[in-house]
Protein backbone atom coordinates (compact mmCIF):
# COMPACT_ATOMS: atom_id res chain seq x y z
CA MET A 1 112.03 4.22 -33.74
CA THR A 2 109.34 6.61 -34.87
CA GLY A 3 106.15 7.85 -33.23
CA SER A 4 103.68 4.98 -33.52
CA ILE A 5 101.56 2.98 -31.12
CA ALA A 6 103.56 -0.01 -32.34
CA ALA A 7 106.56 1.39 -30.44
CA TYR A 8 105.66 -0.91 -27.56
CA LYS A 9 106.79 -3.84 -29.73
CA SER A 10 110.21 -2.28 -30.11
CA ALA A 11 111.09 -3.05 -26.50
CA LEU A 12 110.77 -6.77 -27.21
CA LEU A 13 112.53 -6.29 -30.55
CA VAL A 14 115.56 -4.71 -28.83
CA ARG A 15 115.61 -7.46 -26.23
CA LEU A 16 115.51 -10.21 -28.87
CA LEU A 17 118.32 -8.60 -30.87
CA VAL A 18 120.50 -8.30 -27.78
CA ARG A 19 119.74 -11.91 -26.90
CA GLN A 20 120.92 -12.90 -30.41
CA GLY A 21 124.26 -11.26 -29.64
CA ALA A 22 123.75 -7.96 -31.46
CA GLU A 23 125.01 -4.64 -30.16
CA VAL A 24 122.03 -2.31 -30.37
CA LYS A 25 121.94 1.47 -30.40
CA VAL A 26 118.49 3.07 -30.45
CA VAL A 27 117.71 6.29 -32.30
CA MET A 28 114.28 7.76 -31.53
CA THR A 29 112.34 10.59 -33.09
CA PRO A 30 111.11 13.15 -30.53
CA LEU A 31 107.53 11.91 -30.97
CA ALA A 32 108.56 8.30 -30.32
CA LYS A 33 109.30 9.30 -26.71
CA GLU A 34 105.56 9.92 -26.26
CA PHE A 35 104.87 6.22 -26.81
CA ILE A 36 107.72 4.53 -24.89
CA THR A 37 110.33 5.92 -22.54
CA PRO A 38 114.01 6.15 -23.46
CA LEU A 39 114.82 4.64 -20.05
CA THR A 40 113.08 1.38 -21.00
CA LEU A 41 115.03 1.10 -24.24
CA ALA A 42 118.33 2.16 -22.66
CA THR A 43 117.92 -0.57 -20.05
CA LEU A 44 117.19 -3.23 -22.68
CA SER A 45 119.82 -2.13 -25.21
CA LYS A 46 122.50 -1.37 -22.60
CA ASN A 47 123.33 1.80 -24.54
CA PRO A 48 122.29 5.46 -24.20
CA ILE A 49 119.28 6.43 -26.30
CA LEU A 50 119.87 8.96 -29.06
CA VAL A 51 117.18 11.52 -29.90
CA ASP A 52 118.74 14.91 -30.63
CA PHE A 53 121.82 16.03 -32.51
CA PHE A 54 123.48 17.00 -29.26
CA ASP A 55 122.93 16.48 -25.53
CA PRO A 56 121.76 19.87 -24.15
CA THR A 57 123.10 19.03 -20.69
CA ASN A 58 126.75 18.80 -21.80
CA GLY A 59 126.82 19.72 -25.49
CA GLN A 60 127.98 16.23 -26.56
CA TRP A 61 127.49 15.78 -30.31
CA ASN A 62 125.61 12.72 -31.60
CA SER A 63 127.20 12.26 -35.00
CA HIS A 64 124.83 10.82 -37.59
CA VAL A 65 127.84 10.17 -39.81
CA SER A 66 129.57 8.06 -37.14
CA LEU A 67 126.35 6.13 -36.47
CA GLY A 68 125.90 5.43 -40.17
CA LEU A 69 129.45 4.09 -40.42
CA TRP A 70 129.22 2.06 -37.18
CA ALA A 71 126.10 0.05 -38.00
CA ASP A 72 126.01 -3.27 -39.84
CA ALA A 73 122.25 -2.89 -40.24
CA TYR A 74 119.88 0.04 -39.81
CA LEU A 75 116.38 -1.06 -38.80
CA ILE A 76 113.56 1.47 -38.53
CA ALA A 77 110.76 -0.16 -36.56
CA PRO A 78 108.12 1.09 -36.34
CA ALA A 79 108.35 3.22 -39.47
CA THR A 80 105.45 5.67 -39.79
CA ALA A 81 104.00 7.02 -43.04
CA ASN A 82 105.53 10.40 -42.19
CA THR A 83 109.04 8.99 -41.81
CA LEU A 84 108.73 6.82 -44.91
CA GLY A 85 107.71 9.88 -46.92
CA LYS A 86 110.66 11.88 -45.65
CA MET A 87 113.08 9.04 -46.35
CA ALA A 88 111.77 8.67 -49.90
CA ASN A 89 112.27 12.38 -50.54
CA GLY A 90 115.61 12.88 -48.80
CA ILE A 91 114.30 15.09 -45.99
CA ALA A 92 116.62 15.15 -42.99
CA ASP A 93 115.02 17.06 -40.14
CA ASN A 94 115.90 14.77 -37.22
CA LEU A 95 118.70 12.47 -36.09
CA LEU A 96 116.97 9.32 -37.34
CA LEU A 97 116.66 10.68 -40.87
CA THR A 98 120.15 12.15 -41.09
CA THR A 99 121.52 8.81 -39.89
CA TYR A 100 119.51 7.07 -42.61
CA LEU A 101 121.06 9.32 -45.27
CA SER A 102 124.52 8.62 -43.82
CA ALA A 103 124.14 4.85 -43.46
CA LYS A 104 126.55 2.66 -45.44
CA CYS A 105 124.85 -0.56 -44.31
CA PRO A 106 121.66 -2.36 -45.40
CA VAL A 107 118.52 -0.49 -44.31
CA PHE A 108 115.35 -2.27 -43.21
CA VAL A 109 111.98 -0.62 -42.55
CA ALA A 110 109.01 -2.16 -40.74
CA PRO A 111 105.98 0.02 -41.55
CA ALA A 112 103.24 0.55 -38.96
CA MET A 113 100.10 2.59 -39.62
CA ASP A 114 96.36 2.35 -40.19
CA LEU A 115 95.18 0.29 -43.14
CA ASP A 116 94.01 3.26 -45.24
CA MET A 117 97.27 5.11 -44.66
CA TYR A 118 99.23 2.04 -45.69
CA ALA A 119 97.11 1.47 -48.78
CA HIS A 120 97.20 5.13 -49.85
CA PRO A 121 98.91 5.63 -53.23
CA ALA A 122 101.34 8.14 -51.69
CA THR A 123 102.55 5.61 -49.10
CA GLN A 124 102.84 2.84 -51.68
CA ARG A 125 104.75 5.19 -54.00
CA ASN A 126 107.15 6.06 -51.18
CA LEU A 127 107.70 2.38 -50.40
CA GLU A 128 108.45 1.64 -54.05
CA THR A 129 110.93 4.52 -54.10
CA LEU A 130 112.65 3.14 -51.01
CA ARG A 131 112.78 -0.37 -52.49
CA ALA A 132 114.32 1.06 -55.65
CA THR A 133 117.06 2.70 -53.58
CA GLY A 134 117.88 -0.57 -51.80
CA CYS A 135 115.76 -0.47 -48.64
CA ARG A 136 114.34 -3.81 -47.51
CA VAL A 137 110.68 -3.46 -46.55
CA ILE A 138 109.46 -5.89 -43.88
CA GLU A 139 105.81 -6.06 -44.85
CA PRO A 140 103.27 -5.27 -42.13
CA ALA A 141 100.81 -7.91 -41.01
CA ALA A 142 97.04 -7.82 -41.18
CA GLY A 143 94.98 -7.69 -38.01
CA GLU A 144 93.33 -5.44 -35.47
CA LEU A 145 94.69 -1.88 -35.59
CA ALA A 146 94.78 0.89 -33.00
CA SER A 147 91.89 2.61 -34.80
CA GLY A 148 89.68 -0.40 -34.12
CA LEU A 149 89.66 -1.32 -37.80
CA ASP A 150 91.00 -4.60 -39.11
CA GLY A 151 93.41 -4.79 -42.04
CA LYS A 152 97.02 -4.61 -43.20
CA GLY A 153 99.18 -2.14 -41.33
CA ARG A 154 100.29 -3.81 -38.08
CA MET A 155 104.05 -3.77 -37.64
CA GLU A 156 105.36 -7.30 -38.11
CA GLU A 157 105.91 -9.17 -34.84
CA PRO A 158 109.39 -8.75 -33.28
CA GLU A 159 110.21 -12.46 -33.56
CA ASN A 160 109.58 -12.36 -37.30
CA ILE A 161 111.61 -9.17 -37.76
CA VAL A 162 114.57 -10.77 -35.99
CA ARG A 163 114.13 -13.86 -38.16
CA TYR A 164 114.12 -11.65 -41.26
CA LEU A 165 117.41 -10.01 -40.22
CA ASP A 166 118.92 -13.34 -39.27
CA ASP A 167 117.97 -14.73 -42.66
CA TYR A 168 119.48 -11.75 -44.47
CA PHE A 169 122.87 -12.19 -42.83
CA ALA A 170 122.92 -16.01 -42.88
CA PRO A 171 125.44 -17.56 -45.32
CA LYS A 172 123.53 -18.81 -48.37
CA THR A 173 125.22 -22.19 -48.40
CA LEU A 174 122.20 -23.89 -50.00
CA SER A 175 121.66 -21.32 -52.73
CA GLY A 176 120.48 -22.99 -55.93
CA GLN A 177 119.22 -26.11 -54.14
CA LYS A 178 115.58 -27.17 -54.48
CA ILE A 179 114.55 -29.21 -51.46
CA LEU A 180 111.32 -31.08 -50.80
CA ILE A 181 110.36 -31.50 -47.13
CA THR A 182 107.41 -33.41 -45.70
CA ALA A 183 106.11 -32.54 -42.24
CA GLY A 184 103.36 -33.30 -39.77
CA PRO A 185 100.97 -36.25 -39.49
CA THR A 186 98.48 -37.64 -41.95
CA TYR A 187 94.83 -38.25 -41.12
CA GLU A 188 93.20 -41.38 -42.52
CA LYS A 189 89.42 -40.97 -42.49
CA ILE A 190 87.19 -43.59 -40.90
CA ASP A 191 84.02 -41.58 -41.46
CA PRO A 192 83.24 -37.85 -41.79
CA VAL A 193 84.13 -37.16 -38.12
CA ARG A 194 86.78 -39.75 -37.16
CA PHE A 195 90.25 -40.58 -38.39
CA ILE A 196 93.40 -42.60 -37.71
CA GLY A 197 96.35 -40.33 -36.97
CA ASN A 198 99.24 -39.67 -34.63
CA TYR A 199 100.54 -36.99 -32.29
CA SER A 200 102.96 -35.28 -34.69
CA SER A 201 102.88 -31.48 -34.40
CA GLY A 202 104.97 -30.82 -37.52
CA LYS A 203 107.42 -28.65 -35.54
CA MET A 204 110.52 -30.57 -36.59
CA GLY A 205 109.66 -30.51 -40.29
CA PHE A 206 108.76 -26.83 -40.23
CA ALA A 207 112.02 -26.02 -38.44
CA LEU A 208 113.92 -27.87 -41.16
CA ALA A 209 112.04 -25.96 -43.87
CA GLU A 210 112.84 -22.62 -42.22
CA GLU A 211 116.53 -23.52 -41.79
CA CYS A 212 116.96 -24.71 -45.39
CA ALA A 213 115.22 -21.58 -46.68
CA ARG A 214 117.33 -19.37 -44.41
CA ARG A 215 120.44 -20.84 -46.05
CA GLY A 216 119.17 -20.01 -49.52
CA ALA A 217 117.34 -23.14 -50.65
CA GLU A 218 114.03 -23.09 -52.51
CA VAL A 219 111.85 -25.23 -50.27
CA THR A 220 108.63 -27.05 -51.11
CA LEU A 221 106.97 -28.04 -47.83
CA VAL A 222 104.28 -30.73 -48.09
CA ALA A 223 102.50 -30.42 -44.75
CA GLY A 224 99.90 -32.61 -43.12
CA PRO A 225 97.12 -31.07 -40.97
CA VAL A 226 99.01 -28.93 -38.43
CA GLN A 227 98.46 -25.57 -36.74
CA LEU A 228 101.76 -24.01 -37.79
CA ARG A 229 102.67 -21.07 -40.01
CA CYS A 230 105.53 -20.62 -42.47
CA VAL A 231 107.12 -17.17 -42.51
CA HIS A 232 110.02 -17.52 -44.93
CA ARG A 233 109.44 -16.25 -48.45
CA ASN A 234 111.50 -19.12 -49.94
CA ILE A 235 109.04 -21.74 -48.67
CA ARG A 236 106.21 -22.94 -50.89
CA ARG A 237 103.68 -24.74 -48.73
CA VAL A 238 101.38 -27.49 -49.99
CA ASP A 239 98.73 -28.68 -47.51
CA VAL A 240 97.51 -32.28 -47.57
CA GLU A 241 95.55 -34.51 -45.24
CA SER A 242 96.00 -38.19 -46.09
CA ALA A 243 98.99 -40.38 -46.84
CA GLU A 244 97.70 -40.82 -50.38
CA GLU A 245 97.61 -37.05 -50.90
CA MET A 246 101.10 -36.63 -49.43
CA HIS A 247 102.45 -39.41 -51.63
CA ARG A 248 100.92 -37.85 -54.73
CA GLU A 249 102.34 -34.40 -54.02
CA ALA A 250 105.79 -35.66 -52.97
CA ALA A 251 106.17 -38.11 -55.86
CA SER A 252 105.07 -35.59 -58.50
CA ARG A 253 107.45 -32.88 -57.26
CA PHE A 254 110.51 -35.00 -56.42
CA PRO A 255 111.88 -35.25 -60.00
CA ASP A 256 112.42 -31.47 -60.09
CA MET A 257 114.20 -31.38 -56.72
CA THR A 258 117.83 -31.57 -55.66
CA GLY A 259 116.60 -33.90 -52.94
CA ALA A 260 114.10 -34.48 -50.16
CA VAL A 261 113.92 -34.67 -46.38
CA LEU A 262 111.04 -36.89 -45.28
CA CYS A 263 110.16 -35.74 -41.78
CA ALA A 264 106.40 -36.40 -41.83
CA ALA A 265 104.93 -39.02 -39.51
CA VAL A 266 102.87 -40.73 -42.21
CA ALA A 267 100.19 -43.15 -41.03
CA ASP A 268 101.17 -46.70 -41.96
CA PHE A 269 97.57 -47.91 -42.29
CA THR A 270 94.31 -46.51 -43.62
CA PRO A 271 90.75 -47.93 -43.48
CA GLU A 272 89.87 -50.12 -46.43
CA VAL A 273 86.52 -48.36 -46.64
CA GLN A 274 85.67 -44.81 -45.57
CA ALA A 275 82.08 -44.53 -44.38
CA ALA A 276 80.08 -41.79 -46.09
CA VAL A 277 78.08 -41.09 -42.91
CA LYS A 278 78.96 -41.11 -39.23
CA LEU A 279 79.21 -44.64 -37.85
CA LYS A 280 76.80 -45.21 -34.96
CA ARG A 281 77.60 -46.98 -31.74
CA GLY A 282 76.25 -50.54 -31.67
CA LYS A 283 76.11 -53.37 -29.19
CA GLU A 284 78.82 -55.24 -31.05
CA GLY A 285 82.42 -54.05 -31.30
CA LEU A 286 83.44 -52.28 -34.50
CA ARG A 287 85.65 -54.18 -36.91
CA LEU A 288 87.80 -51.82 -38.95
CA PRO A 289 89.76 -53.53 -41.73
CA LEU A 290 92.96 -51.64 -42.56
CA ARG A 291 95.33 -51.68 -45.51
CA PRO A 292 98.88 -50.29 -45.75
CA THR A 293 99.27 -46.74 -46.99
CA GLN A 294 101.59 -45.65 -49.76
CA ASP A 295 105.24 -45.94 -48.66
CA ILE A 296 106.51 -42.49 -49.62
CA ALA A 297 110.12 -43.06 -48.60
CA ALA A 298 110.35 -46.33 -50.53
CA ALA A 299 108.77 -44.78 -53.63
CA LEU A 300 111.12 -41.80 -53.63
CA GLY A 301 114.10 -44.03 -52.82
CA GLN A 302 113.33 -46.15 -55.86
CA ALA A 303 112.91 -43.07 -58.07
CA LYS A 304 116.00 -41.26 -56.74
CA ARG A 305 118.60 -40.36 -59.35
CA ALA A 306 122.35 -40.39 -58.72
CA ASP A 307 122.37 -36.59 -58.54
CA GLN A 308 119.64 -36.47 -55.87
CA PHE A 309 119.71 -37.03 -52.10
CA LEU A 310 117.08 -38.52 -49.83
CA VAL A 311 117.00 -38.18 -46.04
CA GLY A 312 114.52 -39.92 -43.78
CA PHE A 313 113.46 -40.06 -40.14
CA ALA A 314 112.98 -43.08 -37.92
CA LEU A 315 110.88 -42.81 -34.76
CA GLU A 316 111.41 -45.97 -32.75
CA THR A 317 110.40 -47.46 -29.39
CA ASN A 318 112.77 -50.44 -29.23
CA ASP A 319 115.94 -51.70 -30.94
CA GLU A 320 116.12 -48.15 -32.27
CA GLU A 321 119.42 -48.18 -34.12
CA ALA A 322 118.91 -51.58 -35.75
CA HIS A 323 115.49 -50.59 -37.04
CA ALA A 324 116.78 -47.23 -38.31
CA LEU A 325 119.69 -48.82 -40.18
CA ASP A 326 117.36 -51.35 -41.74
CA LYS A 327 114.98 -48.61 -42.88
CA MET A 328 117.84 -46.59 -44.37
CA GLU A 329 119.00 -49.58 -46.41
CA ARG A 330 115.55 -50.72 -47.57
CA LYS A 331 114.44 -47.26 -48.65
CA ASN A 332 117.70 -46.13 -50.27
CA LEU A 333 118.27 -43.16 -47.94
CA ASP A 334 121.56 -41.25 -47.87
CA PHE A 335 121.28 -40.81 -44.11
CA ILE A 336 118.59 -41.23 -41.49
CA VAL A 337 117.68 -39.21 -38.41
CA LEU A 338 116.81 -41.44 -35.47
CA ASN A 339 114.72 -40.31 -32.54
CA SER A 340 113.23 -42.42 -29.78
CA LEU A 341 110.00 -42.17 -27.82
CA ASN A 342 112.02 -43.38 -24.84
CA ASP A 343 113.80 -39.98 -24.63
CA ALA A 344 112.15 -37.49 -22.30
CA ASP A 345 110.95 -34.16 -23.74
CA ALA A 346 111.62 -35.29 -27.31
CA CYS A 347 109.59 -36.17 -30.40
CA PHE A 348 105.84 -35.52 -30.72
CA GLY A 349 104.47 -32.27 -29.39
CA TYR A 350 107.65 -30.98 -27.73
CA ASP A 351 109.68 -27.94 -28.73
CA THR A 352 112.84 -29.99 -28.13
CA ASN A 353 114.24 -33.13 -29.69
CA LYS A 354 117.15 -35.53 -29.28
CA VAL A 355 118.45 -37.22 -32.43
CA THR A 356 121.19 -39.47 -33.76
CA ILE A 357 122.23 -39.21 -37.40
CA LEU A 358 123.25 -42.48 -39.07
CA HIS A 359 125.04 -42.58 -42.45
CA ARG A 360 125.32 -45.36 -44.99
CA ASN A 361 129.10 -45.46 -44.52
CA GLY A 362 128.66 -46.33 -40.85
CA ALA A 363 129.25 -42.84 -39.49
CA LYS A 364 127.15 -41.95 -36.48
CA THR A 365 126.63 -38.64 -34.68
CA ALA A 366 124.55 -38.40 -31.52
CA PHE A 367 123.25 -35.06 -30.26
CA GLY A 368 121.89 -34.04 -26.88
CA LEU A 369 118.44 -32.62 -26.19
CA LYS A 370 118.04 -29.29 -28.00
CA PRO A 371 115.32 -26.93 -29.25
CA LYS A 372 114.03 -28.20 -32.58
CA ALA A 373 115.38 -25.10 -34.35
CA GLN A 374 118.90 -26.08 -33.24
CA VAL A 375 118.29 -29.72 -34.16
CA ALA A 376 117.34 -28.47 -37.63
CA GLU A 377 120.68 -26.64 -37.83
CA ASP A 378 122.53 -29.89 -37.01
CA ILE A 379 120.60 -31.86 -39.62
CA VAL A 380 121.00 -29.22 -42.33
CA HIS A 381 124.75 -29.06 -41.62
CA GLU A 382 124.93 -32.81 -42.32
CA LEU A 383 122.92 -32.18 -45.46
CA GLU A 384 125.38 -29.51 -46.62
CA VAL A 385 128.29 -31.93 -46.11
CA LEU A 386 126.43 -34.57 -48.11
CA ILE A 387 125.74 -32.17 -51.00
CA THR A 388 129.32 -30.89 -51.02
CA ASN A 389 130.81 -34.39 -51.14
CA ARG A 390 128.56 -35.74 -53.89
């Protein structure tokens, strides 16, 4: 840690890393102690905090060489412009910098500074020098800064830094795979202010996209109207609104893909006519003729080549397994993920889900209620088995 107002985020960062199972040792610059106390970080990391080359109370030596050999990853967060400049030029005037020069492991830096400092040619030159020597730069975010200005320079949020590290160390079992994923609902316009839709939040599809990308896949995510953000650099997001738009994007991209996972809750019906102006309330009830939307799963199932896979979802309210098996057969899916609205705390809107995976060969695996990120891991594992056995 270096001396930045963003040091307050490092407390949560340490806590999240420990929660992930990491052993964390914190090295602080002397100025960093002005922003957050060593006691806070020692409590969270469960290790003594290292600041100086030796402990003046007992003369114990803090060996930068030993630290550099011990670590599997060296993360400098926040990383100030001053520290970045010293790293780029091999200056070693504190324990943090000497440890950096001794490190045998991957080095990650999360810059934090005002927007003009970050944009300055000297800072950008130092970052390019560090990238050229193998440092991984976790780009800062844009937003409100301590100066009161607004721009790029905020240290990335701790959750995203942990995700970045997790992604780096994850086995790239899907490297070379190009995977199309659909997510979220579709909105079928009635008039300029009303639509037919459903309660899908898109969380399950986005979790699948993140997990596939984390394992090395190139992901194209076709997303309906949701309030979610992708963070992984291997995800290309395409935003759509209607079932027709989702069908067009999915069908045009599928031929170039290894396969697709159709997680979106696509509306089955759309108004035959979309009113150009807002419909007014009348004394008589409104009659709204509907027609079926494009069946994306059926279209992709028909177009699927022998070297491609296709995975679908079935959300059911009754006779769940029978309906899911029928859908898998009719739409030429390799396996289907069944979830039921009868399960508490699952499906639309929740952060958890409970699924059963059904295969064409009759295999069936039921999972308990889990966070959707863990459900995504289960589904992607089945996907890896499918790809390996093709």
